[in-house]
Amino acid sequence: MDQDTLQAILREAVRGTVAEVIQLLLHLDQEAFLRENGGRKNGHYRRTLQTRF
């Protein structure tokens, strides 16, 4: 496996992991907000994270 292929694989793995962690943190934050505010929410929609990684 050459270095460029390995870098591409690692870049995609990092990108996927970062996206999953951020989605989890956003979900946990939303759950905490709902608990603190009696379950009232102001809408929700799925976002796509776009970063360099």
N, C-alpha and C. Protein backbone atom coordinates (compact mmCIF):
# COMPACT_ATOMS: atom_id res chain seq x y z
N MET A 1 0.86 -1.17 0.00
CA MET A 1 0.00 0.00 0.00
C MET A 1 0.91 1.24 0.00
N ASP A 2 0.65 2.14 -0.91
CA ASP A 2 1.50 3.34 -0.96
C ASP A 2 1.02 4.39 0.04
N GLN A 3 1.84 5.39 0.24
CA GLN A 3 1.58 6.42 1.26
C GLN A 3 0.31 7.22 0.95
N ASP A 4 0.06 7.53 -0.31
CA ASP A 4 -1.14 8.30 -0.67
C ASP A 4 -2.42 7.53 -0.35
N THR A 5 -2.42 6.24 -0.63
CA THR A 5 -3.58 5.41 -0.33
C THR A 5 -3.81 5.34 1.16
N LEU A 6 -2.74 5.15 1.92
CA LEU A 6 -2.85 5.09 3.37
C LEU A 6 -3.37 6.41 3.94
N GLN A 7 -2.87 7.52 3.43
CA GLN A 7 -3.35 8.83 3.88
C GLN A 7 -4.83 9.02 3.58
N ALA A 8 -5.26 8.59 2.41
CA ALA A 8 -6.68 8.71 2.05
C ALA A 8 -7.55 7.87 2.97
N ILE A 9 -7.11 6.67 3.29
CA ILE A 9 -7.86 5.79 4.19
C ILE A 9 -7.93 6.41 5.58
N LEU A 10 -6.81 6.89 6.06
CA LEU A 10 -6.79 7.51 7.39
C LEU A 10 -7.62 8.78 7.43
N ARG A 11 -7.54 9.59 6.40
CA ARG A 11 -8.32 10.83 6.33
C ARG A 11 -9.81 10.53 6.40
N GLU A 12 -10.25 9.51 5.66
CA GLU A 12 -11.67 9.15 5.68
C GLU A 12 -12.08 8.58 7.03
N ALA A 13 -11.21 7.81 7.66
CA ALA A 13 -11.51 7.26 8.98
C ALA A 13 -11.63 8.38 10.01
N VAL A 14 -10.74 9.34 9.97
CA VAL A 14 -10.79 10.48 10.89
C VAL A 14 -12.04 11.30 10.63
N ARG A 15 -12.35 11.56 9.37
CA ARG A 15 -13.53 12.34 9.01
C ARG A 15 -14.80 11.67 9.56
N GLY A 16 -14.92 10.38 9.37
CA GLY A 16 -16.09 9.66 9.85
C GLY A 16 -16.18 9.67 11.36
N THR A 17 -15.06 9.47 12.03
CA THR A 17 -15.05 9.45 13.49
C THR A 17 -15.40 10.82 14.06
N VAL A 18 -14.82 11.87 13.51
CA VAL A 18 -15.11 13.23 13.97
C VAL A 18 -16.59 13.54 13.78
N ALA A 19 -17.14 13.18 12.64
CA ALA A 19 -18.56 13.45 12.37
C ALA A 19 -19.44 12.71 13.37
N GLU A 20 -19.12 11.45 13.65
CA GLU A 20 -19.91 10.67 14.62
C GLU A 20 -19.84 11.27 16.01
N VAL A 21 -18.65 11.68 16.44
CA VAL A 21 -18.49 12.25 17.78
C VAL A 21 -19.25 13.57 17.90
N ILE A 22 -19.15 14.41 16.89
CA ILE A 22 -19.85 15.70 16.94
C ILE A 22 -21.36 15.48 16.92
N GLN A 23 -21.84 14.54 16.11
CA GLN A 23 -23.27 14.25 16.10
C GLN A 23 -23.73 13.77 17.47
N LEU A 24 -22.94 12.91 18.10
CA LEU A 24 -23.29 12.42 19.43
C LEU A 24 -23.32 13.55 20.44
N LEU A 25 -22.32 14.43 20.41
CA LEU A 25 -22.29 15.55 21.33
C LEU A 25 -23.48 16.49 21.13
N LEU A 26 -23.83 16.74 19.88
CA LEU A 26 -24.99 17.59 19.60
C LEU A 26 -26.28 16.95 20.11
N HIS A 27 -26.40 15.65 19.94
CA HIS A 27 -27.58 14.93 20.42
C HIS A 27 -27.66 14.98 21.95
N LEU A 28 -26.53 14.76 22.61
CA LEU A 28 -26.50 14.82 24.07
C LEU A 28 -26.83 16.22 24.57
N ASP A 29 -26.34 17.23 23.88
CA ASP A 29 -26.63 18.61 24.24
C ASP A 29 -28.12 18.89 24.08
N GLN A 30 -28.71 18.38 23.00
CA GLN A 30 -30.14 18.57 22.77
C GLN A 30 -30.95 17.88 23.87
N GLU A 31 -30.57 16.67 24.24
CA GLU A 31 -31.28 15.96 25.31
C GLU A 31 -31.19 16.72 26.63
N ALA A 32 -30.01 17.26 26.94
CA ALA A 32 -29.84 18.03 28.17
C ALA A 32 -30.71 19.28 28.14
N PHE A 33 -30.76 19.96 27.00
CA PHE A 33 -31.60 21.15 26.86
C PHE A 33 -33.07 20.81 27.10
N LEU A 34 -33.52 19.71 26.50
CA LEU A 34 -34.92 19.31 26.65
C LEU A 34 -35.24 18.96 28.10
N ARG A 35 -34.32 18.29 28.78
CA ARG A 35 -34.55 17.98 30.20
C ARG A 35 -34.66 19.25 31.03
N GLU A 36 -33.81 20.22 30.74
CA GLU A 36 -33.78 21.46 31.52
C GLU A 36 -34.97 22.37 31.19
N ASN A 37 -35.58 22.20 30.04
CA ASN A 37 -36.65 23.10 29.60
C ASN A 37 -37.99 22.39 29.45
N GLY A 38 -38.18 21.34 30.21
CA GLY A 38 -39.47 20.67 30.23
C GLY A 38 -39.88 20.03 28.92
N GLY A 39 -38.94 19.64 28.11
CA GLY A 39 -39.25 18.95 26.87
C GLY A 39 -39.67 19.85 25.73
N ARG A 40 -39.63 21.16 25.94
CA ARG A 40 -40.01 22.09 24.87
C ARG A 40 -38.85 22.25 23.89
N LYS A 41 -39.16 22.15 22.63
CA LYS A 41 -38.11 22.34 21.63
C LYS A 41 -38.59 23.24 20.52
N ASN A 42 -37.65 23.74 19.77
CA ASN A 42 -37.95 24.76 18.78
C ASN A 42 -37.61 24.26 17.37
N GLY A 43 -37.86 23.01 17.10
CA GLY A 43 -37.58 22.45 15.78
C GLY A 43 -36.24 21.74 15.74
N HIS A 44 -36.09 20.89 14.74
CA HIS A 44 -34.86 20.12 14.61
C HIS A 44 -34.71 19.69 13.16
N TYR A 45 -33.54 19.73 12.68
CA TYR A 45 -33.27 19.19 11.36
C TYR A 45 -31.85 18.65 11.34
N ARG A 46 -31.62 17.66 10.50
CA ARG A 46 -30.31 17.03 10.40
C ARG A 46 -29.36 17.93 9.63
N ARG A 47 -28.17 18.05 10.13
CA ARG A 47 -27.16 18.88 9.49
C ARG A 47 -26.03 18.00 8.98
N THR A 48 -25.35 18.46 7.98
CA THR A 48 -24.19 17.75 7.46
C THR A 48 -22.95 18.57 7.80
N LEU A 49 -22.06 17.94 8.52
CA LEU A 49 -20.84 18.61 8.93
C LEU A 49 -19.84 18.59 7.78
N GLN A 50 -19.31 19.75 7.45
CA GLN A 50 -18.30 19.83 6.41
C GLN A 50 -17.07 20.51 6.99
N THR A 51 -16.01 19.75 7.12
CA THR A 51 -14.76 20.29 7.63
C THR A 51 -13.63 19.86 6.72
N ARG A 52 -12.48 20.36 7.00
CA ARG A 52 -11.29 19.95 6.25
C ARG A 52 -11.01 18.47 6.46
N PHE A 53 -11.33 17.99 7.64
CA PHE A 53 -11.07 16.60 7.98
C PHE A 53 -12.29 15.76 7.72
